[in-house]
Amino acid sequence: MLNQTNPSIRCTVNSCTYHKDHHCTLNEIQVGCTQANVGNCKETECASFQLGNHGTQCGGSCQ
């Protein structure tokens, strides 16, 4: 895992290995779709997510 956080990528998914202090430690992320037609945020996902050892609770919600 990287040590520096990226202030441009805010994140509340504590279970991701790249999560640190409410930010992502990656230089960039990939966003993907979970449905063929995207109409709201629940139909998208962070394709860069990798399960880590920070727990399993999400600290925020999809708006």
N, C-alpha and C. Protein backbone atom coordinates (compact mmCIF):
# COMPACT_ATOMS: atom_id res chain seq x y z
N MET A 1 0.84 -1.18 0.00
CA MET A 1 0.00 0.00 0.00
C MET A 1 0.88 1.24 0.00
N LEU A 2 0.42 2.25 -0.68
CA LEU A 2 1.15 3.50 -0.75
C LEU A 2 0.97 4.28 0.55
N ASN A 3 1.91 5.13 0.87
CA ASN A 3 1.84 5.89 2.11
C ASN A 3 1.19 7.26 1.94
N GLN A 4 1.33 7.88 0.78
CA GLN A 4 0.80 9.22 0.55
C GLN A 4 -0.66 9.15 0.11
N THR A 5 -1.48 10.05 0.63
CA THR A 5 -2.86 10.13 0.16
C THR A 5 -2.95 11.11 -0.99
N ASN A 6 -3.95 10.91 -1.84
CA ASN A 6 -4.20 11.80 -2.96
C ASN A 6 -5.35 12.71 -2.55
N PRO A 7 -5.11 13.99 -2.31
CA PRO A 7 -6.17 14.89 -1.85
C PRO A 7 -7.26 15.09 -2.89
N SER A 8 -7.02 14.72 -4.13
CA SER A 8 -8.02 14.87 -5.19
C SER A 8 -9.02 13.72 -5.21
N ILE A 9 -8.73 12.62 -4.51
CA ILE A 9 -9.63 11.46 -4.50
C ILE A 9 -10.10 11.21 -3.08
N ARG A 10 -11.28 11.72 -2.75
CA ARG A 10 -11.86 11.49 -1.43
C ARG A 10 -12.57 10.15 -1.44
N CYS A 11 -12.48 9.42 -0.34
CA CYS A 11 -13.06 8.08 -0.28
C CYS A 11 -13.52 7.77 1.15
N THR A 12 -14.68 7.11 1.26
CA THR A 12 -15.19 6.71 2.57
C THR A 12 -15.31 5.20 2.69
N VAL A 13 -14.74 4.45 1.75
CA VAL A 13 -14.83 2.99 1.77
C VAL A 13 -13.63 2.44 2.54
N ASN A 14 -13.83 2.28 3.84
CA ASN A 14 -12.74 1.86 4.72
C ASN A 14 -12.16 0.50 4.36
N SER A 15 -12.93 -0.37 3.73
CA SER A 15 -12.47 -1.72 3.46
C SER A 15 -11.52 -1.82 2.27
N CYS A 16 -11.30 -0.72 1.56
CA CYS A 16 -10.38 -0.75 0.41
C CYS A 16 -8.94 -0.64 0.90
N THR A 17 -8.07 -1.41 0.30
CA THR A 17 -6.66 -1.41 0.69
C THR A 17 -6.00 -0.06 0.42
N TYR A 18 -6.56 0.74 -0.51
CA TYR A 18 -5.98 2.04 -0.85
C TYR A 18 -6.56 3.18 -0.03
N HIS A 19 -7.44 2.89 0.93
CA HIS A 19 -8.08 3.91 1.77
C HIS A 19 -7.16 4.33 2.91
N LYS A 20 -7.03 5.64 3.10
CA LYS A 20 -6.25 6.16 4.24
C LYS A 20 -6.73 7.57 4.53
N ASP A 21 -7.17 7.80 5.74
CA ASP A 21 -7.56 9.14 6.20
C ASP A 21 -8.58 9.80 5.27
N HIS A 22 -9.60 9.05 4.88
CA HIS A 22 -10.70 9.54 4.04
C HIS A 22 -10.27 9.94 2.63
N HIS A 23 -9.15 9.43 2.18
CA HIS A 23 -8.66 9.68 0.83
C HIS A 23 -8.11 8.38 0.24
N CYS A 24 -7.82 8.42 -1.05
CA CYS A 24 -7.25 7.27 -1.75
C CYS A 24 -5.75 7.49 -1.89
N THR A 25 -4.98 6.42 -1.82
CA THR A 25 -3.54 6.54 -1.98
C THR A 25 -3.08 6.29 -3.41
N LEU A 26 -4.03 6.00 -4.32
CA LEU A 26 -3.67 5.83 -5.72
C LEU A 26 -3.53 7.18 -6.41
N ASN A 27 -2.75 7.23 -7.48
CA ASN A 27 -2.63 8.45 -8.27
C ASN A 27 -3.91 8.71 -9.07
N GLU A 28 -4.58 7.65 -9.47
CA GLU A 28 -5.82 7.75 -10.23
C GLU A 28 -6.65 6.51 -9.97
N ILE A 29 -7.94 6.59 -10.23
CA ILE A 29 -8.83 5.43 -10.09
C ILE A 29 -9.57 5.22 -11.40
N GLN A 30 -10.13 4.04 -11.55
CA GLN A 30 -10.98 3.71 -12.69
C GLN A 30 -12.40 3.55 -12.17
N VAL A 31 -13.35 4.17 -12.86
CA VAL A 31 -14.76 4.04 -12.51
C VAL A 31 -15.43 3.17 -13.56
N GLY A 32 -16.21 2.19 -13.11
CA GLY A 32 -16.89 1.27 -14.01
C GLY A 32 -18.38 1.26 -13.77
N CYS A 33 -19.10 0.58 -14.63
CA CYS A 33 -20.55 0.47 -14.56
C CYS A 33 -20.95 -0.92 -14.07
N THR A 34 -22.05 -0.99 -13.32
CA THR A 34 -22.60 -2.27 -12.90
C THR A 34 -23.84 -2.63 -13.71
N GLN A 35 -24.34 -1.69 -14.51
CA GLN A 35 -25.52 -1.88 -15.37
C GLN A 35 -25.18 -1.37 -16.77
N ALA A 36 -25.90 -1.86 -17.77
CA ALA A 36 -25.67 -1.40 -19.14
C ALA A 36 -26.04 0.07 -19.31
N ASN A 37 -27.12 0.50 -18.67
CA ASN A 37 -27.56 1.89 -18.72
C ASN A 37 -27.40 2.51 -17.34
N VAL A 38 -26.61 3.57 -17.26
CA VAL A 38 -26.33 4.19 -15.97
C VAL A 38 -27.24 5.39 -15.77
N GLY A 39 -28.05 5.34 -14.71
CA GLY A 39 -28.96 6.43 -14.41
C GLY A 39 -28.75 7.02 -13.03
N ASN A 40 -27.97 6.35 -12.19
CA ASN A 40 -27.67 6.89 -10.86
C ASN A 40 -26.37 6.27 -10.34
N CYS A 41 -25.88 6.79 -9.23
CA CYS A 41 -24.56 6.37 -8.75
C CYS A 41 -24.51 4.91 -8.30
N LYS A 42 -25.64 4.32 -7.97
CA LYS A 42 -25.64 2.91 -7.56
C LYS A 42 -25.33 1.97 -8.72
N GLU A 43 -25.32 2.50 -9.93
CA GLU A 43 -25.02 1.70 -11.11
C GLU A 43 -23.58 1.91 -11.57
N THR A 44 -22.76 2.53 -10.71
CA THR A 44 -21.34 2.70 -10.99
C THR A 44 -20.54 2.12 -9.83
N GLU A 45 -19.26 1.91 -10.05
CA GLU A 45 -18.40 1.37 -9.02
C GLU A 45 -16.97 1.86 -9.23
N CYS A 46 -16.20 1.84 -8.16
CA CYS A 46 -14.77 2.11 -8.28
C CYS A 46 -14.11 0.81 -8.71
N ALA A 47 -13.70 0.75 -9.96
CA ALA A 47 -13.09 -0.47 -10.49
C ALA A 47 -11.68 -0.67 -9.96
N SER A 48 -11.14 0.32 -9.26
CA SER A 48 -9.81 0.22 -8.66
C SER A 48 -9.87 -0.36 -7.25
N PHE A 49 -11.07 -0.59 -6.72
CA PHE A 49 -11.24 -1.12 -5.36
C PHE A 49 -10.51 -2.45 -5.20
N GLN A 50 -9.80 -2.57 -4.10
CA GLN A 50 -9.16 -3.84 -3.73
C GLN A 50 -9.38 -4.04 -2.24
N LEU A 51 -9.95 -5.17 -1.87
CA LEU A 51 -10.27 -5.44 -0.48
C LEU A 51 -9.00 -5.45 0.36
N GLY A 52 -9.04 -4.71 1.45
CA GLY A 52 -7.90 -4.62 2.35
C GLY A 52 -8.26 -5.13 3.73
N ASN A 53 -7.49 -4.75 4.70
CA ASN A 53 -7.71 -5.22 6.07
C ASN A 53 -8.13 -4.09 7.00
N HIS A 54 -8.87 -3.10 6.47
CA HIS A 54 -9.31 -1.95 7.26
C HIS A 54 -10.71 -2.15 7.84
N GLY A 55 -11.30 -3.30 7.72
CA GLY A 55 -12.67 -3.52 8.16
C GLY A 55 -13.60 -3.60 6.96
N THR A 56 -14.89 -3.66 7.23
CA THR A 56 -15.85 -3.84 6.14
C THR A 56 -16.92 -2.78 6.10
N GLN A 57 -16.83 -1.75 6.94
CA GLN A 57 -17.86 -0.73 6.98
C GLN A 57 -17.56 0.40 6.01
N CYS A 58 -18.59 0.86 5.31
CA CYS A 58 -18.48 2.02 4.45
C CYS A 58 -18.81 3.24 5.28
N GLY A 59 -17.97 4.23 5.24
CA GLY A 59 -18.16 5.41 6.06
C GLY A 59 -19.07 6.46 5.44
N GLY A 60 -19.60 6.23 4.25
CA GLY A 60 -20.44 7.22 3.59
C GLY A 60 -21.52 6.54 2.78
N SER A 61 -22.19 7.31 1.97
CA SER A 61 -23.24 6.74 1.13
C SER A 61 -23.21 7.37 -0.24
N CYS A 62 -23.81 6.70 -1.18
CA CYS A 62 -23.92 7.18 -2.54
C CYS A 62 -25.02 8.25 -2.58
N GLN A 63 -24.72 9.41 -3.06
CA GLN A 63 -25.69 10.51 -3.09
C GLN A 63 -26.38 10.59 -4.43
